[in-house]
Amino acid sequence: MNNYKRTFVASSEIFSGYKVDIDIRRIETLENIVEIFIRDLQSVLKKYNLEALLDKLNYGNEWHIHSHTLEEILTSNVDELFYVCNHCNVNSELEVTIL
């Protein structure tokens, strides 16, 4: 078991349930987590030529983590899940718009 991996799950109408394990040693901000998560999802969609889903991902989505702070993620249990959301209207500094 890798003590540095945390699992991030899409909380999204279209991409719900998509999971990415991220090494917390690679991150400095919540935005870093969102960027890694989105890059991984984009990679899978490109690999399987899911162009319509890729368009949905790339245009008009604001992805963010609003349920936990970076410190909470870094000190969490290895089996805890964290949600990357794109379906609510949270106005915060944690939002990352993917264009």
PDB file of N, CA and C in Angstrom:
ATOM      1  N   MET A   1       0.846  -1.179   0.000  1.00  0.00           N
ATOM      2  CA  MET A   1       0.000   0.000   0.000  1.00  0.00           C
ATOM      3  C   MET A   1       0.891   1.240   0.000  1.00  0.00           C
ATOM      4  N   ASN A   2       0.548   2.201  -0.848  1.00  0.00           N
ATOM      5  CA  ASN A   2       1.313   3.436  -0.949  1.00  0.00           C
ATOM      6  C   ASN A   2       0.684   4.501  -0.061  1.00  0.00           C
ATOM      7  N   ASN A   3       1.409   4.927   0.953  1.00  0.00           N
ATOM      8  CA  ASN A   3       0.893   5.916   1.902  1.00  0.00           C
ATOM      9  C   ASN A   3       0.794   7.312   1.321  1.00  0.00           C
ATOM     10  N   TYR A   4       1.318   7.518   0.127  1.00  0.00           N
ATOM     11  CA  TYR A   4       1.311   8.846  -0.480  1.00  0.00           C
ATOM     12  C   TYR A   4       0.253   9.017  -1.563  1.00  0.00           C
ATOM     13  N   LYS A   5      -0.490   7.986  -1.860  1.00  0.00           N
ATOM     14  CA  LYS A   5      -1.543   8.061  -2.879  1.00  0.00           C
ATOM     15  C   LYS A   5      -2.878   8.394  -2.220  1.00  0.00           C
ATOM     16  N   ARG A   6      -3.619   9.291  -2.868  1.00  0.00           N
ATOM     17  CA  ARG A   6      -4.977   9.606  -2.452  1.00  0.00           C
ATOM     18  C   ARG A   6      -5.873   9.465  -3.680  1.00  0.00           C
ATOM     19  N   THR A   7      -7.098   9.041  -3.459  1.00  0.00           N
ATOM     20  CA  THR A   7      -8.026   8.812  -4.548  1.00  0.00           C
ATOM     21  C   THR A   7      -8.986   9.981  -4.679  1.00  0.00           C
ATOM     22  N   PHE A   8      -9.061  10.504  -5.902  1.00  0.00           N
ATOM     23  CA  PHE A   8      -9.939  11.620  -6.233  1.00  0.00           C
ATOM     24  C   PHE A   8     -10.975  11.120  -7.225  1.00  0.00           C
ATOM     25  N   VAL A   9     -12.239  11.462  -6.969  1.00  0.00           N
ATOM     26  CA  VAL A   9     -13.366  10.940  -7.731  1.00  0.00           C
ATOM     27  C   VAL A   9     -14.148  12.112  -8.313  1.00  0.00           C
ATOM     28  N   ALA A  10     -14.571  11.965  -9.569  1.00  0.00           N
ATOM     29  CA  ALA A  10     -15.373  13.010 -10.207  1.00  0.00           C
ATOM     30  C   ALA A  10     -16.768  13.044  -9.592  1.00  0.00           C
ATOM     31  N   SER A  11     -17.156  14.229  -9.182  1.00  0.00           N
ATOM     32  CA  SER A  11     -18.536  14.492  -8.780  1.00  0.00           C
ATOM     33  C   SER A  11     -19.097  15.360  -9.897  1.00  0.00           C
ATOM     34  N   SER A  12     -19.697  14.697 -10.873  1.00  0.00           N
ATOM     35  CA  SER A  12     -20.062  15.344 -12.120  1.00  0.00           C
ATOM     36  C   SER A  12     -21.236  14.611 -12.750  1.00  0.00           C
ATOM     37  N   GLU A  13     -22.098  15.341 -13.398  1.00  0.00           N
ATOM     38  CA  GLU A  13     -23.237  14.729 -14.077  1.00  0.00           C
ATOM     39  C   GLU A  13     -22.768  13.782 -15.175  1.00  0.00           C
ATOM     40  N   ILE A  14     -21.738  14.149 -15.906  1.00  0.00           N
ATOM     41  CA  ILE A  14     -21.273  13.360 -17.045  1.00  0.00           C
ATOM     42  C   ILE A  14     -20.168  12.376 -16.665  1.00  0.00           C
ATOM     43  N   PHE A  15     -19.235  12.799 -15.817  1.00  0.00           N
ATOM     44  CA  PHE A  15     -18.044  11.999 -15.533  1.00  0.00           C
ATOM     45  C   PHE A  15     -18.070  11.355 -14.148  1.00  0.00           C
ATOM     46  N   SER A  16     -19.210  11.293 -13.547  1.00  0.00           N
ATOM     47  CA  SER A  16     -19.378  10.764 -12.195  1.00  0.00           C
ATOM     48  C   SER A  16     -18.714   9.402 -12.025  1.00  0.00           C
ATOM     49  N   GLY A  17     -17.959   9.279 -10.959  1.00  0.00           N
ATOM     50  CA  GLY A  17     -17.327   8.012 -10.638  1.00  0.00           C
ATOM     51  C   GLY A  17     -15.931   7.833 -11.186  1.00  0.00           C
ATOM     52  N   TYR A  18     -15.487   8.681 -12.114  1.00  0.00           N
ATOM     53  CA  TYR A  18     -14.133   8.559 -12.648  1.00  0.00           C
ATOM     54  C   TYR A  18     -13.140   8.791 -11.510  1.00  0.00           C
ATOM     55  N   LYS A  19     -12.169   7.901 -11.358  1.00  0.00           N
ATOM     56  CA  LYS A  19     -11.224   7.965 -10.240  1.00  0.00           C
ATOM     57  C   LYS A  19      -9.795   8.113 -10.727  1.00  0.00           C
ATOM     58  N   VAL A  20      -9.037   8.903  -9.969  1.00  0.00           N
ATOM     59  CA  VAL A  20      -7.613   9.073 -10.234  1.00  0.00           C
ATOM     60  C   VAL A  20      -6.869   9.001  -8.908  1.00  0.00           C
ATOM     61  N   ASP A  21      -5.839   8.178  -8.847  1.00  0.00           N
ATOM     62  CA  ASP A  21      -4.957   8.154  -7.685  1.00  0.00           C
ATOM     63  C   ASP A  21      -3.826   9.131  -7.930  1.00  0.00           C
ATOM     64  N   ILE A  22      -3.611  10.025  -6.971  1.00  0.00           N
ATOM     65  CA  ILE A  22      -2.593  11.068  -7.115  1.00  0.00           C
ATOM     66  C   ILE A  22      -1.634  10.981  -5.940  1.00  0.00           C
ATOM     67  N   ASP A  23      -0.361  11.049  -6.252  1.00  0.00           N
ATOM     68  CA  ASP A  23       0.693  11.064  -5.239  1.00  0.00           C
ATOM     69  C   ASP A  23       0.721  12.449  -4.603  1.00  0.00           C
ATOM     70  N   ILE A  24       0.432  12.537  -3.327  1.00  0.00           N
ATOM     71  CA  ILE A  24       0.349  13.840  -2.659  1.00  0.00           C
ATOM     72  C   ILE A  24       1.708  14.520  -2.528  1.00  0.00           C
ATOM     73  N   ARG A  25       2.775  13.808  -2.799  1.00  0.00           N
ATOM     74  CA  ARG A  25       4.095  14.443  -2.796  1.00  0.00           C
ATOM     75  C   ARG A  25       4.280  15.336  -4.018  1.00  0.00           C
ATOM     76  N   ARG A  26       3.414  15.183  -5.029  1.00  0.00           N
ATOM     77  CA  ARG A  26       3.508  15.959  -6.276  1.00  0.00           C
ATOM     78  C   ARG A  26       2.690  17.236  -6.256  1.00  0.00           C
ATOM     79  N   ILE A  27       1.952  17.487  -5.207  1.00  0.00           N
ATOM     80  CA  ILE A  27       1.023  18.616  -5.222  1.00  0.00           C
ATOM     81  C   ILE A  27       1.420  19.694  -4.220  1.00  0.00           C
ATOM     82  N   GLU A  28       1.065  20.922  -4.587  1.00  0.00           N
ATOM     83  CA  GLU A  28       1.299  22.061  -3.701  1.00  0.00           C
ATOM     84  C   GLU A  28       0.022  22.819  -3.405  1.00  0.00           C
ATOM     85  N   THR A  29      -0.984  22.669  -4.285  1.00  0.00           N
ATOM     86  CA  THR A  29      -2.243  23.394  -4.118  1.00  0.00           C
ATOM     87  C   THR A  29      -3.409  22.486  -4.534  1.00  0.00           C
ATOM     88  N   LEU A  30      -4.604  22.908  -4.178  1.00  0.00           N
ATOM     89  CA  LEU A  30      -5.788  22.193  -4.650  1.00  0.00           C
ATOM     90  C   LEU A  30      -5.899  22.272  -6.164  1.00  0.00           C
ATOM     91  N   GLU A  31      -5.462  23.381  -6.728  1.00  0.00           N
ATOM     92  CA  GLU A  31      -5.490  23.541  -8.177  1.00  0.00           C
ATOM     93  C   GLU A  31      -4.598  22.503  -8.853  1.00  0.00           C
ATOM     94  N   ASN A  32      -3.455  22.167  -8.230  1.00  0.00           N
ATOM     95  CA  ASN A  32      -2.588  21.114  -8.774  1.00  0.00           C
ATOM     96  C   ASN A  32      -3.332  19.790  -8.873  1.00  0.00           C
ATOM     97  N   ILE A  33      -4.095  19.473  -7.836  1.00  0.00           N
ATOM     98  CA  ILE A  33      -4.870  18.231  -7.837  1.00  0.00           C
ATOM     99  C   ILE A  33      -5.857  18.231  -8.990  1.00  0.00           C
ATOM    100  N   VAL A  34      -6.587  19.325  -9.137  1.00  0.00           N
ATOM    101  CA  VAL A  34      -7.591  19.422 -10.207  1.00  0.00           C
ATOM    102  C   VAL A  34      -6.912  19.306 -11.565  1.00  0.00           C
ATOM    103  N   GLU A  35      -5.796  19.949 -11.764  1.00  0.00           N
ATOM    104  CA  GLU A  35      -5.086  19.890 -13.042  1.00  0.00           C
ATOM    105  C   GLU A  35      -4.639  18.465 -13.368  1.00  0.00           C
ATOM    106  N   ILE A  36      -4.086  17.758 -12.391  1.00  0.00           N
ATOM    107  CA  ILE A  36      -3.655  16.372 -12.595  1.00  0.00           C
ATOM    108  C   ILE A  36      -4.863  15.492 -12.909  1.00  0.00           C
ATOM    109  N   PHE A  37      -5.935  15.681 -12.173  1.00  0.00           N
ATOM    110  CA  PHE A  37      -7.168  14.918 -12.368  1.00  0.00           C
ATOM    111  C   PHE A  37      -7.696  15.111 -13.788  1.00  0.00           C
ATOM    112  N   ILE A  38      -7.781  16.356 -14.224  1.00  0.00           N
ATOM    113  CA  ILE A  38      -8.313  16.670 -15.553  1.00  0.00           C
ATOM    114  C   ILE A  38      -7.397  16.135 -16.650  1.00  0.00           C
ATOM    115  N   ARG A  39      -6.093  16.282 -16.494  1.00  0.00           N
ATOM    116  CA  ARG A  39      -5.151  15.748 -17.494  1.00  0.00           C
ATOM    117  C   ARG A  39      -5.323  14.239 -17.654  1.00  0.00           C
ATOM    118  N   ASP A  40      -5.514  13.530 -16.537  1.00  0.00           N
ATOM    119  CA  ASP A  40      -5.699  12.090 -16.586  1.00  0.00           C
ATOM    120  C   ASP A  40      -6.992  11.740 -17.324  1.00  0.00           C
ATOM    121  N   LEU A  41      -8.063  12.426 -17.000  1.00  0.00           N
ATOM    122  CA  LEU A  41      -9.343  12.194 -17.659  1.00  0.00           C
ATOM    123  C   LEU A  41      -9.247  12.515 -19.153  1.00  0.00           C
ATOM    124  N   GLN A  42      -8.605  13.625 -19.499  1.00  0.00           N
ATOM    125  CA  GLN A  42      -8.414  13.978 -20.912  1.00  0.00           C
ATOM    126  C   GLN A  42      -7.647  12.887 -21.650  1.00  0.00           C
ATOM    127  N   SER A  43      -6.634  12.352 -21.002  1.00  0.00           N
ATOM    128  CA  SER A  43      -5.815  11.307 -21.614  1.00  0.00           C
ATOM    129  C   SER A  43      -6.645  10.071 -21.946  1.00  0.00           C
ATOM    130  N   VAL A  44      -7.500   9.661 -21.033  1.00  0.00           N
ATOM    131  CA  VAL A  44      -8.348   8.494 -21.271  1.00  0.00           C
ATOM    132  C   VAL A  44      -9.340   8.767 -22.400  1.00  0.00           C
ATOM    133  N   LEU A  45      -9.945   9.941 -22.382  1.00  0.00           N
ATOM    134  CA  LEU A  45     -10.918  10.280 -23.425  1.00  0.00           C
ATOM    135  C   LEU A  45     -10.256  10.339 -24.803  1.00  0.00           C
ATOM    136  N   LYS A  46      -9.039  10.886 -24.866  1.00  0.00           N
ATOM    137  CA  LYS A  46      -8.301  10.938 -26.137  1.00  0.00           C
ATOM    138  C   LYS A  46      -7.912   9.538 -26.592  1.00  0.00           C
ATOM    139  N   LYS A  47      -7.452   8.713 -25.659  1.00  0.00           N
ATOM    140  CA  LYS A  47      -7.009   7.351 -25.994  1.00  0.00           C
ATOM    141  C   LYS A  47      -8.114   6.559 -26.680  1.00  0.00           C
ATOM    142  N   TYR A  48      -9.335   6.724 -26.224  1.00  0.00           N
ATOM    143  CA  TYR A  48     -10.454   5.958 -26.767  1.00  0.00           C
ATOM    144  C   TYR A  48     -11.303   6.767 -27.755  1.00  0.00           C
ATOM    145  N   ASN A  49     -10.760   7.890 -28.221  1.00  0.00           N
ATOM    146  CA  ASN A  49     -11.424   8.730 -29.225  1.00  0.00           C
ATOM    147  C   ASN A  49     -12.850   9.110 -28.826  1.00  0.00           C
ATOM    148  N   LEU A  50     -13.037   9.449 -27.590  1.00  0.00           N
ATOM    149  CA  LEU A  50     -14.353   9.866 -27.097  1.00  0.00           C
ATOM    150  C   LEU A  50     -14.461  11.382 -27.247  1.00  0.00           C
ATOM    151  N   GLU A  51     -14.575  11.804 -28.492  1.00  0.00           N
ATOM    152  CA  GLU A  51     -14.493  13.215 -28.838  1.00  0.00           C
ATOM    153  C   GLU A  51     -15.621  14.051 -28.259  1.00  0.00           C
ATOM    154  N   ALA A  52     -16.832  13.536 -28.242  1.00  0.00           N
ATOM    155  CA  ALA A  52     -17.952  14.300 -27.687  1.00  0.00           C
ATOM    156  C   ALA A  52     -17.755  14.519 -26.181  1.00  0.00           C
ATOM    157  N   LEU A  53     -17.276  13.496 -25.498  1.00  0.00           N
ATOM    158  CA  LEU A  53     -17.012  13.650 -24.067  1.00  0.00           C
ATOM    159  C   LEU A  53     -15.829  14.583 -23.821  1.00  0.00           C
ATOM    160  N   LEU A  54     -14.839  14.516 -24.685  1.00  0.00           N
ATOM    161  CA  LEU A  54     -13.695  15.423 -24.573  1.00  0.00           C
ATOM    162  C   LEU A  54     -14.140  16.869 -24.749  1.00  0.00           C
ATOM    163  N   ASP A  55     -15.038  17.111 -25.691  1.00  0.00           N
ATOM    164  CA  ASP A  55     -15.589  18.458 -25.863  1.00  0.00           C
ATOM    165  C   ASP A  55     -16.336  18.900 -24.609  1.00  0.00           C
ATOM    166  N   LYS A  56     -17.116  18.003 -24.033  1.00  0.00           N
ATOM    167  CA  LYS A  56     -17.855  18.336 -22.802  1.00  0.00           C
ATOM    168  C   LYS A  56     -16.893  18.665 -21.671  1.00  0.00           C
ATOM    169  N   LEU A  57     -15.773  17.954 -21.610  1.00  0.00           N
ATOM    170  CA  LEU A  57     -14.784  18.200 -20.566  1.00  0.00           C
ATOM    171  C   LEU A  57     -14.071  19.528 -20.776  1.00  0.00           C
ATOM    172  N   ASN A  58     -13.732  19.836 -22.018  1.00  0.00           N
ATOM    173  CA  ASN A  58     -12.877  20.983 -22.305  1.00  0.00           C
ATOM    174  C   ASN A  58     -13.586  22.322 -22.321  1.00  0.00           C
ATOM    175  N   TYR A  59     -14.896  22.343 -22.498  1.00  0.00           N
ATOM    176  CA  TYR A  59     -15.579  23.619 -22.664  1.00  0.00           C
ATOM    177  C   TYR A  59     -16.656  23.839 -21.612  1.00  0.00           C
ATOM    178  N   GLY A  60     -16.496  24.929 -20.870  1.00  0.00           N
ATOM    179  CA  GLY A  60     -17.533  25.366 -19.956  1.00  0.00           C
ATOM    180  C   GLY A  60     -17.596  24.681 -18.611  1.00  0.00           C
ATOM    181  N   ASN A  61     -16.578  23.967 -18.240  1.00  0.00           N
ATOM    182  CA  ASN A  61     -16.580  23.285 -16.946  1.00  0.00           C
ATOM    183  C   ASN A  61     -15.685  23.997 -15.957  1.00  0.00           C
ATOM    184  N   GLU A  62     -16.186  24.190 -14.778  1.00  0.00           N
ATOM    185  CA  GLU A  62     -15.363  24.710 -13.687  1.00  0.00           C
ATOM    186  C   GLU A  62     -15.196  23.602 -12.669  1.00  0.00           C
ATOM    187  N   TRP A  63     -14.017  23.028 -12.633  1.00  0.00           N
ATOM    188  CA  TRP A  63     -13.708  21.929 -11.725  1.00  0.00           C
ATOM    189  C   TRP A  63     -13.060  22.495 -10.468  1.00  0.00           C
ATOM    190  N   HIS A  64     -13.402  21.931  -9.333  1.00  0.00           N
ATOM    191  CA  HIS A  64     -12.872  22.432  -8.068  1.00  0.00           C
ATOM    192  C   HIS A  64     -13.030  21.387  -6.971  1.00  0.00           C
ATOM    193  N   ILE A  65     -12.327  21.615  -5.888  1.00  0.00           N
ATOM    194  CA  ILE A  65     -12.479  20.821  -4.670  1.00  0.00           C
ATOM    195  C   ILE A  65     -12.938  21.790  -3.604  1.00  0.00           C
ATOM    196  N   HIS A  66     -14.122  21.553  -3.061  1.00  0.00           N
ATOM    197  CA  HIS A  66     -14.625  22.478  -2.045  1.00  0.00           C
ATOM    198  C   HIS A  66     -14.933  21.792  -0.721  1.00  0.00           C
ATOM    199  N   SER A  67     -14.710  20.501  -0.659  1.00  0.00           N
ATOM    200  CA  SER A  67     -15.063  19.765   0.547  1.00  0.00           C
ATOM    201  C   SER A  67     -13.907  19.623   1.535  1.00  0.00           C
ATOM    202  N   HIS A  68     -12.674  19.826   1.072  1.00  0.00           N
ATOM    203  CA  HIS A  68     -11.498  19.649   1.926  1.00  0.00           C
ATOM    204  C   HIS A  68     -10.447  20.706   1.597  1.00  0.00           C
ATOM    205  N   THR A  69      -9.676  21.029   2.587  1.00  0.00           N
ATOM    206  CA  THR A  69      -8.520  21.893   2.372  1.00  0.00           C
ATOM    207  C   THR A  69      -7.337  21.027   1.949  1.00  0.00           C
ATOM    208  N   LEU A  70      -6.311  21.665   1.442  1.00  0.00           N
ATOM    209  CA  LEU A  70      -5.102  20.936   1.085  1.00  0.00           C
ATOM    210  C   LEU A  70      -4.526  20.224   2.302  1.00  0.00           C
ATOM    211  N   GLU A  71      -4.506  20.889   3.425  1.00  0.00           N
ATOM    212  CA  GLU A  71      -3.961  20.304   4.646  1.00  0.00           C
ATOM    213  C   GLU A  71      -4.736  19.050   5.062  1.00  0.00           C
ATOM    214  N   GLU A  72      -6.057  19.093   4.918  1.00  0.00           N
ATOM    215  CA  GLU A  72      -6.866  17.918   5.250  1.00  0.00           C
ATOM    216  C   GLU A  72      -6.547  16.748   4.327  1.00  0.00           C
ATOM    217  N   ILE A  73      -6.322  17.028   3.071  1.00  0.00           N
ATOM    218  CA  ILE A  73      -5.978  15.973   2.120  1.00  0.00           C
ATOM    219  C   ILE A  73      -4.604  15.394   2.442  1.00  0.00           C
ATOM    220  N   LEU A  74      -3.658  16.258   2.710  1.00  0.00           N
ATOM    221  CA  LEU A  74      -2.295  15.800   2.981  1.00  0.00           C
ATOM    222  C   LEU A  74      -2.187  14.964   4.248  1.00  0.00           C
ATOM    223  N   THR A  75      -3.054  15.198   5.195  1.00  0.00           N
ATOM    224  CA  THR A  75      -2.993  14.471   6.472  1.00  0.00           C
ATOM    225  C   THR A  75      -4.086  13.406   6.597  1.00  0.00           C
ATOM    226  N   SER A  76      -4.776  13.119   5.526  1.00  0.00           N
ATOM    227  CA  SER A  76      -5.899  12.185   5.557  1.00  0.00           C
ATOM    228  C   SER A  76      -5.431  10.735   5.587  1.00  0.00           C
ATOM    229  N   ASN A  77      -6.397   9.847   5.854  1.00  0.00           N
ATOM    230  CA  ASN A  77      -6.152   8.414   5.760  1.00  0.00           C
ATOM    231  C   ASN A  77      -6.035   8.020   4.301  1.00  0.00           C
ATOM    232  N   VAL A  78      -5.242   7.019   4.029  1.00  0.00           N
ATOM    233  CA  VAL A  78      -4.977   6.595   2.655  1.00  0.00           C
ATOM    234  C   VAL A  78      -6.238   6.085   1.959  1.00  0.00           C
ATOM    235  N   ASP A  79      -7.219   5.610   2.691  1.00  0.00           N
ATOM    236  CA  ASP A  79      -8.423   5.053   2.070  1.00  0.00           C
ATOM    237  C   ASP A  79      -9.567   6.059   1.926  1.00  0.00           C
ATOM    238  N   GLU A  80      -9.346   7.300   2.290  1.00  0.00           N
ATOM    239  CA  GLU A  80     -10.387   8.321   2.164  1.00  0.00           C
ATOM    240  C   GLU A  80     -10.512   8.768   0.705  1.00  0.00           C
ATOM    241  N   LEU A  81     -11.748   9.067   0.281  1.00  0.00           N
ATOM    242  CA  LEU A  81     -12.014   9.556  -1.072  1.00  0.00           C
ATOM    243  C   LEU A  81     -12.245  11.060  -1.041  1.00  0.00           C
ATOM    244  N   PHE A  82     -11.800  11.725  -2.102  1.00  0.00           N
ATOM    245  CA  PHE A  82     -11.979  13.170  -2.230  1.00  0.00           C
ATOM    246  C   PHE A  82     -12.647  13.440  -3.576  1.00  0.00           C
ATOM    247  N   TYR A  83     -13.569  14.382  -3.588  1.00  0.00           N
ATOM    248  CA  TYR A  83     -14.365  14.622  -4.778  1.00  0.00           C
ATOM    249  C   TYR A  83     -13.936  15.903  -5.493  1.00  0.00           C
ATOM    250  N   VAL A  84     -13.772  15.761  -6.812  1.00  0.00           N
ATOM    251  CA  VAL A  84     -13.484  16.881  -7.694  1.00  0.00           C
ATOM    252  C   VAL A  84     -14.798  17.163  -8.415  1.00  0.00           C
ATOM    253  N   CYS A  85     -15.329  18.348  -8.190  1.00  0.00           N
ATOM    254  CA  CYS A  85     -16.701  18.678  -8.566  1.00  0.00           C
ATOM    255  C   CYS A  85     -16.733  19.635  -9.755  1.00  0.00           C
ATOM    256  N   ASN A  86     -17.754  19.476 -10.606  1.00  0.00           N
ATOM    257  CA  ASN A  86     -17.963  20.450 -11.685  1.00  0.00           C
ATOM    258  C   ASN A  86     -19.438  20.778 -11.890  1.00  0.00           C
ATOM    259  N   HIS A  87     -20.279  20.444 -10.930  1.00  0.00           N
ATOM    260  CA  HIS A  87     -21.706  20.630 -11.170  1.00  0.00           C
ATOM    261  C   HIS A  87     -22.398  21.555 -10.174  1.00  0.00           C
ATOM    262  N   CYS A  88     -21.647  22.279  -9.392  1.00  0.00           N
ATOM    263  CA  CYS A  88     -22.291  23.218  -8.478  1.00  0.00           C
ATOM    264  C   CYS A  88     -21.776  24.626  -8.748  1.00  0.00           C
ATOM    265  N   ASN A  89     -22.431  25.593  -8.201  1.00  0.00           N
ATOM    266  CA  ASN A  89     -22.062  26.988  -8.414  1.00  0.00           C
ATOM    267  C   ASN A  89     -21.319  27.530  -7.204  1.00  0.00           C
ATOM    268  N   VAL A  90     -20.143  26.989  -6.961  1.00  0.00           N
ATOM    269  CA  VAL A  90     -19.322  27.446  -5.851  1.00  0.00           C
ATOM    270  C   VAL A  90     -18.430  28.563  -6.353  1.00  0.00           C
ATOM    271  N   ASN A  91     -18.538  29.724  -5.765  1.00  0.00           N
ATOM    272  CA  ASN A  91     -17.653  30.827  -6.118  1.00  0.00           C
ATOM    273  C   ASN A  91     -16.550  30.882  -5.083  1.00  0.00           C
ATOM    274  N   SER A  92     -15.422  30.332  -5.440  1.00  0.00           N
ATOM    275  CA  SER A  92     -14.304  30.319  -4.503  1.00  0.00           C
ATOM    276  C   SER A  92     -13.001  30.361  -5.270  1.00  0.00           C
ATOM    277  N   GLU A  93     -11.945  30.560  -4.561  1.00  0.00           N
ATOM    278  CA  GLU A  93     -10.628  30.604  -5.175  1.00  0.00           C
ATOM    279  C   GLU A  93     -10.154  29.222  -5.592  1.00  0.00           C
ATOM    280  N   LEU A  94     -10.922  28.161  -5.276  1.00  0.00           N
ATOM    281  CA  LEU A  94     -10.503  26.814  -5.564  1.00  0.00           C
ATOM    282  C   LEU A  94     -10.926  26.357  -6.959  1.00  0.00           C
ATOM    283  N   GLU A  95     -11.684  27.162  -7.670  1.00  0.00           N
ATOM    284  CA  GLU A  95     -12.179  26.753  -8.975  1.00  0.00           C
ATOM    285  C   GLU A  95     -11.068  26.822 -10.019  1.00  0.00           C
ATOM    286  N   VAL A  96     -11.079  25.834 -10.902  1.00  0.00           N
ATOM    287  CA  VAL A  96     -10.146  25.805 -12.018  1.00  0.00           C
ATOM    288  C   VAL A  96     -10.968  25.627 -13.270  1.00  0.00           C
ATOM    289  N   THR A  97     -10.910  26.575 -14.173  1.00  0.00           N
ATOM    290  CA  THR A  97     -11.645  26.475 -15.428  1.00  0.00           C
ATOM    291  C   THR A  97     -10.746  25.822 -16.455  1.00  0.00           C
ATOM    292  N   ILE A  98     -11.258  24.788 -17.092  1.00  0.00           N
ATOM    293  CA  ILE A  98     -10.510  24.069 -18.115  1.00  0.00           C
ATOM    294  C   ILE A  98     -10.976  24.568 -19.475  1.00  0.00           C
ATOM    295  N   LEU A  99     -10.059  25.106 -20.240  1.00  0.00           N
ATOM    296  CA  LEU A  99     -10.400  25.619 -21.583  1.00  0.00           C
ATOM    297  C   LEU A  99      -9.656  24.861 -22.643  1.00  0.00           C
TER     298      LEU A  99
END
